[in-house]
PDB file of N, CA and C in Angstrom:
ATOM      1  N   MET A   1       2.667 -20.934  -8.540  1.00  0.00           N
ATOM      2  CA  MET A   1       2.638 -20.546  -7.143  1.00  0.00           C
ATOM      3  C   MET A   1       1.268 -20.936  -6.581  1.00  0.00           C
ATOM      4  N   GLU A   2       1.292 -21.614  -5.482  1.00  0.00           N
ATOM      5  CA  GLU A   2       0.044 -22.036  -4.851  1.00  0.00           C
ATOM      6  C   GLU A   2      -0.691 -20.850  -4.250  1.00  0.00           C
ATOM      7  N   LEU A   3      -2.004 -20.863  -4.430  1.00  0.00           N
ATOM      8  CA  LEU A   3      -2.821 -19.773  -3.904  1.00  0.00           C
ATOM      9  C   LEU A   3      -2.732 -19.703  -2.380  1.00  0.00           C
ATOM     10  N   GLU A   4      -2.774 -20.863  -1.726  1.00  0.00           N
ATOM     11  CA  GLU A   4      -2.722 -20.895  -0.257  1.00  0.00           C
ATOM     12  C   GLU A   4      -1.419 -20.284   0.269  1.00  0.00           C
ATOM     13  N   LYS A   5      -0.314 -20.623  -0.385  1.00  0.00           N
ATOM     14  CA  LYS A   5       0.977 -20.071   0.036  1.00  0.00           C
ATOM     15  C   LYS A   5       1.009 -18.556  -0.213  1.00  0.00           C
ATOM     16  N   THR A   6       0.448 -18.132  -1.333  1.00  0.00           N
ATOM     17  CA  THR A   6       0.413 -16.709  -1.654  1.00  0.00           C
ATOM     18  C   THR A   6      -0.387 -15.942  -0.605  1.00  0.00           C
ATOM     19  N   VAL A   7      -1.532 -16.471  -0.232  1.00  0.00           N
ATOM     20  CA  VAL A   7      -2.361 -15.817   0.783  1.00  0.00           C
ATOM     21  C   VAL A   7      -1.603 -15.750   2.110  1.00  0.00           C
ATOM     22  N   LYS A   8      -0.969 -16.854   2.479  1.00  0.00           N
ATOM     23  CA  LYS A   8      -0.212 -16.891   3.742  1.00  0.00           C
ATOM     24  C   LYS A   8       0.931 -15.877   3.727  1.00  0.00           C
ATOM     25  N   MET A   9       1.690 -15.850   2.645  1.00  0.00           N
ATOM     26  CA  MET A   9       2.821 -14.926   2.566  1.00  0.00           C
ATOM     27  C   MET A   9       2.352 -13.471   2.546  1.00  0.00           C
ATOM     28  N   ASN A  10       1.261 -13.194   1.850  1.00  0.00           N
ATOM     29  CA  ASN A  10       0.722 -11.827   1.857  1.00  0.00           C
ATOM     30  C   ASN A  10       0.291 -11.410   3.254  1.00  0.00           C
ATOM     31  N   MET A  11      -0.315 -12.333   3.991  1.00  0.00           N
ATOM     32  CA  MET A  11      -0.738 -12.032   5.358  1.00  0.00           C
ATOM     33  C   MET A  11       0.489 -11.776   6.241  1.00  0.00           C
ATOM     34  N   LEU A  12       1.471 -12.644   6.168  1.00  0.00           N
ATOM     35  CA  LEU A  12       2.694 -12.454   6.954  1.00  0.00           C
ATOM     36  C   LEU A  12       3.379 -11.147   6.571  1.00  0.00           C
ATOM     37  N   PHE A  13       3.424 -10.878   5.270  1.00  0.00           N
ATOM     38  CA  PHE A  13       4.058  -9.649   4.786  1.00  0.00           C
ATOM     39  C   PHE A  13       3.317  -8.416   5.288  1.00  0.00           C
ATOM     40  N   SER A  14       1.988  -8.474   5.348  1.00  0.00           N
ATOM     41  CA  SER A  14       1.233  -7.309   5.819  1.00  0.00           C
ATOM     42  C   SER A  14       1.487  -7.036   7.299  1.00  0.00           C
ATOM     43  N   PHE A  15       1.759  -8.075   8.071  1.00  0.00           N
ATOM     44  CA  PHE A  15       2.024  -7.892   9.494  1.00  0.00           C
ATOM     45  C   PHE A  15       3.482  -7.545   9.779  1.00  0.00           C
ATOM     46  N   TYR A  16       4.401  -8.177   9.073  1.00  0.00           N
ATOM     47  CA  TYR A  16       5.819  -8.058   9.418  1.00  0.00           C
ATOM     48  C   TYR A  16       6.674  -7.364   8.357  1.00  0.00           C
ATOM     49  N   GLY A  17       6.048  -6.887   7.297  1.00  0.00           N
ATOM     50  CA  GLY A  17       6.800  -6.278   6.199  1.00  0.00           C
ATOM     51  C   GLY A  17       7.660  -5.095   6.621  1.00  0.00           C
ATOM     52  N   ALA A  18       7.216  -4.354   7.602  1.00  0.00           N
ATOM     53  CA  ALA A  18       7.981  -3.189   8.062  1.00  0.00           C
ATOM     54  C   ALA A  18       9.308  -3.588   8.706  1.00  0.00           C
ATOM     55  N   LEU A  19       9.436  -4.858   9.063  1.00  0.00           N
ATOM     56  CA  LEU A  19      10.675  -5.330   9.690  1.00  0.00           C
ATOM     57  C   LEU A  19      11.727  -5.759   8.663  1.00  0.00           C
ATOM     58  N   LEU A  20      11.364  -5.742   7.402  1.00  0.00           N
ATOM     59  CA  LEU A  20      12.275  -6.155   6.338  1.00  0.00           C
ATOM     60  C   LEU A  20      13.069  -4.960   5.816  1.00  0.00           C
ATOM     61  N   THR A  21      14.156  -5.262   5.132  1.00  0.00           N
ATOM     62  CA  THR A  21      14.901  -4.193   4.469  1.00  0.00           C
ATOM     63  C   THR A  21      14.076  -3.699   3.287  1.00  0.00           C
ATOM     64  N   PRO A  22      14.340  -2.498   2.811  1.00  0.00           N
ATOM     65  CA  PRO A  22      13.588  -1.999   1.647  1.00  0.00           C
ATOM     66  C   PRO A  22      13.675  -2.936   0.431  1.00  0.00           C
ATOM     67  N   LYS A  23      14.846  -3.484   0.177  1.00  0.00           N
ATOM     68  CA  LYS A  23      15.005  -4.387  -0.971  1.00  0.00           C
ATOM     69  C   LYS A  23      14.200  -5.667  -0.767  1.00  0.00           C
ATOM     70  N   GLN A  24      14.261  -6.236   0.420  1.00  0.00           N
ATOM     71  CA  GLN A  24      13.483  -7.441   0.712  1.00  0.00           C
ATOM     72  C   GLN A  24      11.993  -7.173   0.551  1.00  0.00           C
ATOM     73  N   ALA A  25      11.547  -6.058   1.085  1.00  0.00           N
ATOM     74  CA  ALA A  25      10.126  -5.700   1.009  1.00  0.00           C
ATOM     75  C   ALA A  25       9.699  -5.499  -0.440  1.00  0.00           C
ATOM     76  N   GLN A  26      10.547  -4.869  -1.237  1.00  0.00           N
ATOM     77  CA  GLN A  26      10.182  -4.621  -2.634  1.00  0.00           C
ATOM     78  C   GLN A  26      10.105  -5.924  -3.424  1.00  0.00           C
ATOM     79  N   TYR A  27      11.056  -6.825  -3.230  1.00  0.00           N
ATOM     80  CA  TYR A  27      11.006  -8.131  -3.908  1.00  0.00           C
ATOM     81  C   TYR A  27       9.732  -8.883  -3.528  1.00  0.00           C
ATOM     82  N   MET A  28       9.394  -8.874  -2.243  1.00  0.00           N
ATOM     83  CA  MET A  28       8.189  -9.581  -1.792  1.00  0.00           C
ATOM     84  C   MET A  28       6.936  -8.947  -2.385  1.00  0.00           C
ATOM     85  N   ALA A  29       6.875  -7.630  -2.381  1.00  0.00           N
ATOM     86  CA  ALA A  29       5.710  -6.946  -2.943  1.00  0.00           C
ATOM     87  C   ALA A  29       5.579  -7.242  -4.434  1.00  0.00           C
ATOM     88  N   ASP A  30       6.691  -7.184  -5.137  1.00  0.00           N
ATOM     89  CA  ASP A  30       6.650  -7.468  -6.574  1.00  0.00           C
ATOM     90  C   ASP A  30       6.216  -8.907  -6.841  1.00  0.00           C
ATOM     91  N   TYR A  31       6.742  -9.824  -6.081  1.00  0.00           N
ATOM     92  CA  TYR A  31       6.479 -11.242  -6.328  1.00  0.00           C
ATOM     93  C   TYR A  31       5.079 -11.655  -5.869  1.00  0.00           C
ATOM     94  N   TYR A  32       4.716 -11.297  -4.640  1.00  0.00           N
ATOM     95  CA  TYR A  32       3.450 -11.783  -4.081  1.00  0.00           C
ATOM     96  C   TYR A  32       2.266 -10.866  -4.332  1.00  0.00           C
ATOM     97  N   GLU A  33       2.470  -9.579  -4.308  1.00  0.00           N
ATOM     98  CA  GLU A  33       1.346  -8.657  -4.487  1.00  0.00           C
ATOM     99  C   GLU A  33       1.127  -8.301  -5.962  1.00  0.00           C
ATOM    100  N   GLU A  34       2.219  -8.080  -6.680  1.00  0.00           N
ATOM    101  CA  GLU A  34       2.115  -7.687  -8.091  1.00  0.00           C
ATOM    102  C   GLU A  34       2.155  -8.882  -9.042  1.00  0.00           C
ATOM    103  N   ASP A  35       2.532 -10.051  -8.526  1.00  0.00           N
ATOM    104  CA  ASP A  35       2.581 -11.299  -9.297  1.00  0.00           C
ATOM    105  C   ASP A  35       3.599 -11.241 -10.438  1.00  0.00           C
ATOM    106  N   TYR A  36       4.704 -10.542 -10.203  1.00  0.00           N
ATOM    107  CA  TYR A  36       5.782 -10.521 -11.184  1.00  0.00           C
ATOM    108  C   TYR A  36       6.525 -11.844 -11.122  1.00  0.00           C
ATOM    109  N   THR A  37       7.088 -12.236 -12.234  1.00  0.00           N
ATOM    110  CA  THR A  37       7.916 -13.441 -12.253  1.00  0.00           C
ATOM    111  C   THR A  37       9.298 -13.095 -11.700  1.00  0.00           C
ATOM    112  N   LEU A  38      10.055 -14.125 -11.364  1.00  0.00           N
ATOM    113  CA  LEU A  38      11.425 -13.902 -10.897  1.00  0.00           C
ATOM    114  C   LEU A  38      12.238 -13.188 -11.967  1.00  0.00           C
ATOM    115  N   ALA A  39      12.037 -13.576 -13.218  1.00  0.00           N
ATOM    116  CA  ALA A  39      12.768 -12.953 -14.325  1.00  0.00           C
ATOM    117  C   ALA A  39      12.417 -11.475 -14.456  1.00  0.00           C
ATOM    118  N   GLU A  40      11.150 -11.126 -14.298  1.00  0.00           N
ATOM    119  CA  GLU A  40      10.747  -9.716 -14.378  1.00  0.00           C
ATOM    120  C   GLU A  40      11.359  -8.897 -13.250  1.00  0.00           C
ATOM    121  N   ILE A  41      11.361  -9.454 -12.056  1.00  0.00           N
ATOM    122  CA  ILE A  41      11.951  -8.747 -10.913  1.00  0.00           C
ATOM    123  C   ILE A  41      13.445  -8.576 -11.131  1.00  0.00           C
ATOM    124  N   ALA A  42      14.100  -9.631 -11.573  1.00  0.00           N
ATOM    125  CA  ALA A  42      15.542  -9.573 -11.831  1.00  0.00           C
ATOM    126  C   ALA A  42      15.867  -8.504 -12.866  1.00  0.00           C
ATOM    127  N   ALA A  43      15.086  -8.447 -13.916  1.00  0.00           N
ATOM    128  CA  ALA A  43      15.324  -7.443 -14.960  1.00  0.00           C
ATOM    129  C   ALA A  43      15.098  -6.029 -14.424  1.00  0.00           C
ATOM    130  N   ASN A  44      14.076  -5.842 -13.611  1.00  0.00           N
ATOM    131  CA  ASN A  44      13.776  -4.515 -13.053  1.00  0.00           C
ATOM    132  C   ASN A  44      14.895  -3.987 -12.164  1.00  0.00           C
ATOM    133  N   TYR A  45      15.571  -4.889 -11.446  1.00  0.00           N
ATOM    134  CA  TYR A  45      16.601  -4.474 -10.492  1.00  0.00           C
ATOM    135  C   TYR A  45      18.013  -4.794 -10.971  1.00  0.00           C
ATOM    136  N   GLU A  46      18.105  -5.293 -12.206  1.00  0.00           N
ATOM    137  CA  GLU A  46      19.399  -5.619 -12.818  1.00  0.00           C
ATOM    138  C   GLU A  46      20.231  -6.547 -11.941  1.00  0.00           C
ATOM    139  N   VAL A  47      19.580  -7.612 -11.476  1.00  0.00           N
ATOM    140  CA  VAL A  47      20.255  -8.664 -10.717  1.00  0.00           C
ATOM    141  C   VAL A  47      19.886  -9.993 -11.363  1.00  0.00           C
ATOM    142  N   SER A  48      20.510 -11.048 -10.896  1.00  0.00           N
ATOM    143  CA  SER A  48      20.206 -12.357 -11.476  1.00  0.00           C
ATOM    144  C   SER A  48      18.889 -12.897 -10.941  1.00  0.00           C
ATOM    145  N   ARG A  49      18.304 -13.758 -11.726  1.00  0.00           N
ATOM    146  CA  ARG A  49      17.074 -14.428 -11.303  1.00  0.00           C
ATOM    147  C   ARG A  49      17.335 -15.217 -10.022  1.00  0.00           C
ATOM    148  N   GLN A  50      18.515 -15.837  -9.935  1.00  0.00           N
ATOM    149  CA  GLN A  50      18.879 -16.625  -8.758  1.00  0.00           C
ATOM    150  C   GLN A  50      18.973 -15.747  -7.511  1.00  0.00           C
ATOM    151  N   ALA A  51      19.472 -14.530  -7.663  1.00  0.00           N
ATOM    152  CA  ALA A  51      19.570 -13.611  -6.524  1.00  0.00           C
ATOM    153  C   ALA A  51      18.181 -13.255  -5.999  1.00  0.00           C
ATOM    154  N   VAL A  52      17.249 -13.025  -6.913  1.00  0.00           N
ATOM    155  CA  VAL A  52      15.876 -12.715  -6.515  1.00  0.00           C
ATOM    156  C   VAL A  52      15.256 -13.921  -5.819  1.00  0.00           C
ATOM    157  N   TYR A  53      15.432 -15.090  -6.408  1.00  0.00           N
ATOM    158  CA  TYR A  53      14.889 -16.331  -5.838  1.00  0.00           C
ATOM    159  C   TYR A  53      15.431 -16.536  -4.421  1.00  0.00           C
ATOM    160  N   ASP A  54      16.739 -16.433  -4.265  1.00  0.00           N
ATOM    161  CA  ASP A  54      17.367 -16.628  -2.954  1.00  0.00           C
ATOM    162  C   ASP A  54      16.843 -15.623  -1.931  1.00  0.00           C
ATOM    163  N   SER A  55      16.692 -14.374  -2.346  1.00  0.00           N
ATOM    164  CA  SER A  55      16.206 -13.338  -1.441  1.00  0.00           C
ATOM    165  C   SER A  55      14.770 -13.625  -1.016  1.00  0.00           C
ATOM    166  N   ILE A  56      13.915 -13.991  -1.949  1.00  0.00           N
ATOM    167  CA  ILE A  56      12.517 -14.276  -1.621  1.00  0.00           C
ATOM    168  C   ILE A  56      12.421 -15.473  -0.688  1.00  0.00           C
ATOM    169  N   LYS A  57      13.171 -16.516  -0.962  1.00  0.00           N
ATOM    170  CA  LYS A  57      13.149 -17.706  -0.088  1.00  0.00           C
ATOM    171  C   LYS A  57      13.633 -17.358   1.320  1.00  0.00           C
ATOM    172  N   ARG A  58      14.660 -16.546   1.403  1.00  0.00           N
ATOM    173  CA  ARG A  58      15.195 -16.129   2.701  1.00  0.00           C
ATOM    174  C   ARG A  58      14.148 -15.296   3.460  1.00  0.00           C
ATOM    175  N   VAL A  59      13.480 -14.390   2.755  1.00  0.00           N
ATOM    176  CA  VAL A  59      12.459 -13.546   3.388  1.00  0.00           C
ATOM    177  C   VAL A  59      11.264 -14.387   3.830  1.00  0.00           C
ATOM    178  N   GLU A  60      10.870 -15.369   3.033  1.00  0.00           N
ATOM    179  CA  GLU A  60       9.785 -16.264   3.440  1.00  0.00           C
ATOM    180  C   GLU A  60      10.120 -16.921   4.779  1.00  0.00           C
ATOM    181  N   GLU A  61      11.344 -17.404   4.906  1.00  0.00           N
ATOM    182  CA  GLU A  61      11.781 -18.027   6.160  1.00  0.00           C
ATOM    183  C   GLU A  61      11.775 -17.020   7.307  1.00  0.00           C
ATOM    184  N   ILE A  62      12.216 -15.806   7.033  1.00  0.00           N
ATOM    185  CA  ILE A  62      12.223 -14.749   8.054  1.00  0.00           C
ATOM    186  C   ILE A  62      10.804 -14.475   8.534  1.00  0.00           C
ATOM    187  N   LEU A  63       9.867 -14.329   7.601  1.00  0.00           N
ATOM    188  CA  LEU A  63       8.484 -14.031   7.965  1.00  0.00           C
ATOM    189  C   LEU A  63       7.856 -15.167   8.763  1.00  0.00           C
ATOM    190  N   ILE A  64       8.122 -16.395   8.357  1.00  0.00           N
ATOM    191  CA  ILE A  64       7.614 -17.558   9.096  1.00  0.00           C
ATOM    192  C   ILE A  64       8.217 -17.595  10.496  1.00  0.00           C
ATOM    193  N   ASN A  65       9.487 -17.255  10.608  1.00  0.00           N
ATOM    194  CA  ASN A  65      10.164 -17.216  11.912  1.00  0.00           C
ATOM    195  C   ASN A  65       9.553 -16.130  12.808  1.00  0.00           C
ATOM    196  N   TYR A  66       9.293 -14.948  12.234  1.00  0.00           N
ATOM    197  CA  TYR A  66       8.641 -13.889  13.015  1.00  0.00           C
ATOM    198  C   TYR A  66       7.300 -14.367  13.549  1.00  0.00           C
ATOM    199  N   GLU A  67       6.514 -14.989  12.690  1.00  0.00           N
ATOM    200  CA  GLU A  67       5.194 -15.463  13.119  1.00  0.00           C
ATOM    201  C   GLU A  67       5.338 -16.532  14.196  1.00  0.00           C
ATOM    202  N   GLY A  68       6.318 -17.407  14.051  1.00  0.00           N
ATOM    203  CA  GLY A  68       6.541 -18.442  15.051  1.00  0.00           C
ATOM    204  C   GLY A  68       6.833 -17.860  16.430  1.00  0.00           C
ATOM    205  N   LYS A  69       7.513 -16.734  16.447  1.00  0.00           N
ATOM    206  CA  LYS A  69       7.864 -16.109  17.721  1.00  0.00           C
ATOM    207  C   LYS A  69       6.785 -15.149  18.227  1.00  0.00           C
ATOM    208  N   LEU A  70       6.195 -14.369  17.340  1.00  0.00           N
ATOM    209  CA  LEU A  70       5.285 -13.307  17.757  1.00  0.00           C
ATOM    210  C   LEU A  70       3.802 -13.686  17.701  1.00  0.00           C
ATOM    211  N   GLN A  71       3.445 -14.587  16.828  1.00  0.00           N
ATOM    212  CA  GLN A  71       2.068 -15.095  16.711  1.00  0.00           C
ATOM    213  C   GLN A  71       1.016 -14.012  16.440  1.00  0.00           C
ATOM    214  N   LEU A  72       1.388 -12.948  15.766  1.00  0.00           N
ATOM    215  CA  LEU A  72       0.438 -11.869  15.499  1.00  0.00           C
ATOM    216  C   LEU A  72      -0.665 -12.293  14.530  1.00  0.00           C
ATOM    217  N   VAL A  73      -0.301 -13.045  13.507  1.00  0.00           N
ATOM    218  CA  VAL A  73      -1.294 -13.492  12.530  1.00  0.00           C
ATOM    219  C   VAL A  73      -2.247 -14.489  13.182  1.00  0.00           C
ATOM    220  N   ALA A  74      -1.710 -15.408  13.971  1.00  0.00           N
ATOM    221  CA  ALA A  74      -2.557 -16.393  14.652  1.00  0.00           C
ATOM    222  C   ALA A  74      -3.538 -15.698  15.595  1.00  0.00           C
ATOM    223  N   GLU A  75      -3.067 -14.718  16.335  1.00  0.00           N
ATOM    224  CA  GLU A  75      -3.949 -13.971  17.238  1.00  0.00           C
ATOM    225  C   GLU A  75      -5.003 -13.192  16.454  1.00  0.00           C
ATOM    226  N   PHE A  76      -4.621 -12.625  15.327  1.00  0.00           N
ATOM    227  CA  PHE A  76      -5.545 -11.904  14.466  1.00  0.00           C
ATOM    228  C   PHE A  76      -6.664 -12.836  13.986  1.00  0.00           C
ATOM    229  N   GLU A  77      -6.290 -14.032  13.539  1.00  0.00           N
ATOM    230  CA  GLU A  77      -7.277 -15.001  13.054  1.00  0.00           C
ATOM    231  C   GLU A  77      -8.203 -15.460  14.185  1.00  0.00           C
ATOM    232  N   GLU A  78      -7.651 -15.687  15.360  1.00  0.00           N
ATOM    233  CA  GLU A  78      -8.473 -16.075  16.514  1.00  0.00           C
ATOM    234  C   GLU A  78      -9.452 -14.961  16.882  1.00  0.00           C
ATOM    235  N   ARG A  79      -8.983 -13.725  16.847  1.00  0.00           N
ATOM    236  CA  ARG A  79      -9.837 -12.585  17.169  1.00  0.00           C
ATOM    237  C   ARG A  79     -10.976 -12.473  16.156  1.00  0.00           C
ATOM    238  N   LYS A  80     -10.671 -12.689  14.884  1.00  0.00           N
ATOM    239  CA  LYS A  80     -11.707 -12.649  13.851  1.00  0.00           C
ATOM    240  C   LYS A  80     -12.780 -13.702  14.104  1.00  0.00           C
ATOM    241  N   GLU A  81     -12.362 -14.911  14.461  1.00  0.00           N
ATOM    242  CA  GLU A  81     -13.323 -15.992  14.724  1.00  0.00           C
ATOM    243  C   GLU A  81     -14.186 -15.687  15.948  1.00  0.00           C
ATOM    244  N   THR A  82     -13.574 -15.181  16.996  1.00  0.00           N
ATOM    245  CA  THR A  82     -14.325 -14.823  18.198  1.00  0.00           C
ATOM    246  C   THR A  82     -15.335 -13.724  17.901  1.00  0.00           C
ATOM    247  N   LEU A  83     -14.932 -12.742  17.140  1.00  0.00           N
ATOM    248  CA  LEU A  83     -15.846 -11.656  16.788  1.00  0.00           C
ATOM    249  C   LEU A  83     -17.002 -12.147  15.918  1.00  0.00           C
ATOM    250  N   LYS A  84     -16.751 -13.113  15.058  1.00  0.00           N
ATOM    251  CA  LYS A  84     -17.841 -13.703  14.268  1.00  0.00           C
ATOM    252  C   LYS A  84     -18.859 -14.377  15.184  1.00  0.00           C
ATOM    253  N   LYS A  85     -18.374 -15.083  16.182  1.00  0.00           N
ATOM    254  CA  LYS A  85     -19.268 -15.752  17.132  1.00  0.00           C
ATOM    255  C   LYS A  85     -20.073 -14.731  17.940  1.00  0.00           C
ATOM    256  N   ILE A  86     -19.421 -13.650  18.361  1.00  0.00           N
ATOM    257  CA  ILE A  86     -20.118 -12.601  19.105  1.00  0.00           C
ATOM    258  C   ILE A  86     -21.189 -11.961  18.229  1.00  0.00           C
ATOM    259  N   ARG A  87     -20.833 -11.670  16.989  1.00  0.00           N
ATOM    260  CA  ARG A  87     -21.808 -11.073  16.074  1.00  0.00           C
ATOM    261  C   ARG A  87     -23.017 -11.996  15.890  1.00  0.00           C
ATOM    262  N   GLN A  88     -22.763 -13.281  15.713  1.00  0.00           N
ATOM    263  CA  GLN A  88     -23.858 -14.226  15.528  1.00  0.00           C
ATOM    264  C   GLN A  88     -24.744 -14.286  16.770  1.00  0.00           C
ATOM    265  N   TYR A  89     -24.142 -14.296  17.937  1.00  0.00           N
ATOM    266  CA  TYR A  89     -24.908 -14.313  19.181  1.00  0.00           C
ATOM    267  C   TYR A  89     -25.780 -13.056  19.292  1.00  0.00           C
ATOM    268  N   ILE A  90     -25.202 -11.913  18.971  1.00  0.00           N
ATOM    269  CA  ILE A  90     -25.959 -10.663  19.040  1.00  0.00           C
ATOM    270  C   ILE A  90     -27.118 -10.688  18.050  1.00  0.00           C
ATOM    271  N   GLU A  91     -26.857 -11.152  16.845  1.00  0.00           N
ATOM    272  CA  GLU A  91     -27.933 -11.227  15.851  1.00  0.00           C
ATOM    273  C   GLU A  91     -29.045 -12.169  16.306  1.00  0.00           C
ATOM    274  N   ASP A  92     -28.650 -13.302  16.893  1.00  0.00           N
ATOM    275  CA  ASP A  92     -29.645 -14.279  17.354  1.00  0.00           C
ATOM    276  C   ASP A  92     -30.423 -13.770  18.570  1.00  0.00           C
ATOM    277  N   SER A  93     -29.742 -13.125  19.490  1.00  0.00           N
ATOM    278  CA  SER A  93     -30.365 -12.739  20.756  1.00  0.00           C
ATOM    279  C   SER A  93     -30.887 -11.309  20.800  1.00  0.00           C
ATOM    280  N   TYR A  94     -30.260 -10.417  20.057  1.00  0.00           N
ATOM    281  CA  TYR A  94     -30.616  -8.996  20.125  1.00  0.00           C
ATOM    282  C   TYR A  94     -30.716  -8.392  18.725  1.00  0.00           C
ATOM    283  N   GLY A  95     -31.194  -9.153  17.793  1.00  0.00           N
ATOM    284  CA  GLY A  95     -31.216  -8.769  16.386  1.00  0.00           C
ATOM    285  C   GLY A  95     -31.773  -7.404  16.078  1.00  0.00           C
ATOM    286  N   ASN A  96     -32.729  -6.931  16.859  1.00  0.00           N
ATOM    287  CA  ASN A  96     -33.370  -5.652  16.565  1.00  0.00           C
ATOM    288  C   ASN A  96     -32.728  -4.461  17.258  1.00  0.00           C
ATOM    289  N   ASP A  97     -31.722  -4.700  18.060  1.00  0.00           N
ATOM    290  CA  ASP A  97     -31.072  -3.617  18.802  1.00  0.00           C
ATOM    291  C   ASP A  97     -30.046  -2.932  17.888  1.00  0.00           C
ATOM    292  N   GLU A  98     -30.446  -1.829  17.275  1.00  0.00           N
ATOM    293  CA  GLU A  98     -29.586  -1.132  16.309  1.00  0.00           C
ATOM    294  C   GLU A  98     -28.308  -0.602  16.948  1.00  0.00           C
ATOM    295  N   THR A  99     -28.415  -0.106  18.164  1.00  0.00           N
ATOM    296  CA  THR A  99     -27.237   0.433  18.849  1.00  0.00           C
ATOM    297  C   THR A  99     -26.214  -0.671  19.098  1.00  0.00           C
ATOM    298  N   LEU A 100     -26.655  -1.800  19.601  1.00  0.00           N
ATOM    299  CA  LEU A 100     -25.754  -2.911  19.861  1.00  0.00           C
ATOM    300  C   LEU A 100     -25.143  -3.429  18.555  1.00  0.00           C
ATOM    301  N   ASN A 101     -25.942  -3.533  17.520  1.00  0.00           N
ATOM    302  CA  ASN A 101     -25.418  -3.980  16.225  1.00  0.00           C
ATOM    303  C   ASN A 101     -24.374  -3.015  15.677  1.00  0.00           C
ATOM    304  N   LYS A 102     -24.611  -1.703  15.820  1.00  0.00           N
ATOM    305  CA  LYS A 102     -23.628  -0.731  15.347  1.00  0.00           C
ATOM    306  C   LYS A 102     -22.341  -0.838  16.156  1.00  0.00           C
ATOM    307  N   LEU A 103     -22.457  -0.999  17.459  1.00  0.00           N
ATOM    308  CA  LEU A 103     -21.265  -1.113  18.306  1.00  0.00           C
ATOM    309  C   LEU A 103     -20.438  -2.336  17.932  1.00  0.00           C
ATOM    310  N   ILE A 104     -21.075  -3.483  17.756  1.00  0.00           N
ATOM    311  CA  ILE A 104     -20.311  -4.686  17.410  1.00  0.00           C
ATOM    312  C   ILE A 104     -19.711  -4.553  16.020  1.00  0.00           C
ATOM    313  N   ASN A 105     -20.425  -3.926  15.102  1.00  0.00           N
ATOM    314  CA  ASN A 105     -19.861  -3.718  13.763  1.00  0.00           C
ATOM    315  C   ASN A 105     -18.642  -2.803  13.815  1.00  0.00           C
ATOM    316  N   ASP A 106     -18.695  -1.764  14.658  1.00  0.00           N
ATOM    317  CA  ASP A 106     -17.541  -0.882  14.820  1.00  0.00           C
ATOM    318  C   ASP A 106     -16.349  -1.636  15.409  1.00  0.00           C
ATOM    319  N   ILE A 107     -16.605  -2.464  16.401  1.00  0.00           N
ATOM    320  CA  ILE A 107     -15.535  -3.251  17.025  1.00  0.00           C
ATOM    321  C   ILE A 107     -14.933  -4.217  16.012  1.00  0.00           C
ATOM    322  N   ILE A 108     -15.784  -4.887  15.270  1.00  0.00           N
ATOM    323  CA  ILE A 108     -15.293  -5.848  14.277  1.00  0.00           C
ATOM    324  C   ILE A 108     -14.464  -5.139  13.213  1.00  0.00           C
ATOM    325  N   GLN A 109     -14.944  -4.036  12.728  1.00  0.00           N
ATOM    326  CA  GLN A 109     -14.216  -3.297  11.698  1.00  0.00           C
ATOM    327  C   GLN A 109     -12.852  -2.860  12.208  1.00  0.00           C
ATOM    328  N   ASP A 110     -12.791  -2.330  13.412  1.00  0.00           N
ATOM    329  CA  ASP A 110     -11.540  -1.869  13.982  1.00  0.00           C
ATOM    330  C   ASP A 110     -10.590  -3.021  14.322  1.00  0.00           C
ATOM    331  N   SER A 111     -11.140  -4.083  14.885  1.00  0.00           N
ATOM    332  CA  SER A 111     -10.317  -5.188  15.376  1.00  0.00           C
ATOM    333  C   SER A 111      -9.799  -6.109  14.299  1.00  0.00           C
ATOM    334  N   THR A 112     -10.435  -6.115  13.163  1.00  0.00           N
ATOM    335  CA  THR A 112      -9.995  -7.052  12.126  1.00  0.00           C
ATOM    336  C   THR A 112      -9.124  -6.405  11.058  1.00  0.00           C
ATOM    337  N   ARG A 113      -8.737  -5.169  11.267  1.00  0.00           N
ATOM    338  CA  ARG A 113      -7.765  -4.584  10.363  1.00  0.00           C
ATOM    339  C   ARG A 113      -6.426  -5.241  10.610  1.00  0.00           C
ATOM    340  N   GLU A 114      -5.785  -5.650   9.531  1.00  0.00           N
ATOM    341  CA  GLU A 114      -4.479  -6.287   9.658  1.00  0.00           C
ATOM    342  C   GLU A 114      -3.508  -5.318  10.305  1.00  0.00           C
ATOM    343  N   GLY A 115      -2.713  -5.843  11.199  1.00  0.00           N
ATOM    344  CA  GLY A 115      -1.714  -5.017  11.857  1.00  0.00           C
ATOM    345  C   GLY A 115      -2.172  -4.430  13.171  1.00  0.00           C
ATOM    346  N   ASN A 116      -3.448  -4.613  13.543  1.00  0.00           N
ATOM    347  CA  ASN A 116      -3.935  -4.121  14.839  1.00  0.00           C
ATOM    348  C   ASN A 116      -3.573  -5.082  15.935  1.00  0.00           C
TER     349      ASN A 116
END
């Protein structure tokens, strides 16, 4: 499993996982978060390896489709980049202002939580 795909799927799952069925969510969590193999997941739920594979592939498509329509992850990433630029500007221009630094750190912490 490619690391880049795993990171992407985990990000999509963290934003849209609540929209999945419990079984879909559990398969995704086991596969992407717990790093279980298809065979391990199949054995745990007493289903075929092919059933697990098909379900995970279907959920991947669902999550990509949600992102295509809602763009929550893209907006989250853009917000993170903008906040990095703001933080850098504040450090460069107002580096010694403790109050301003605390405020921007609070905003960054709150705004970059996944799902906000």
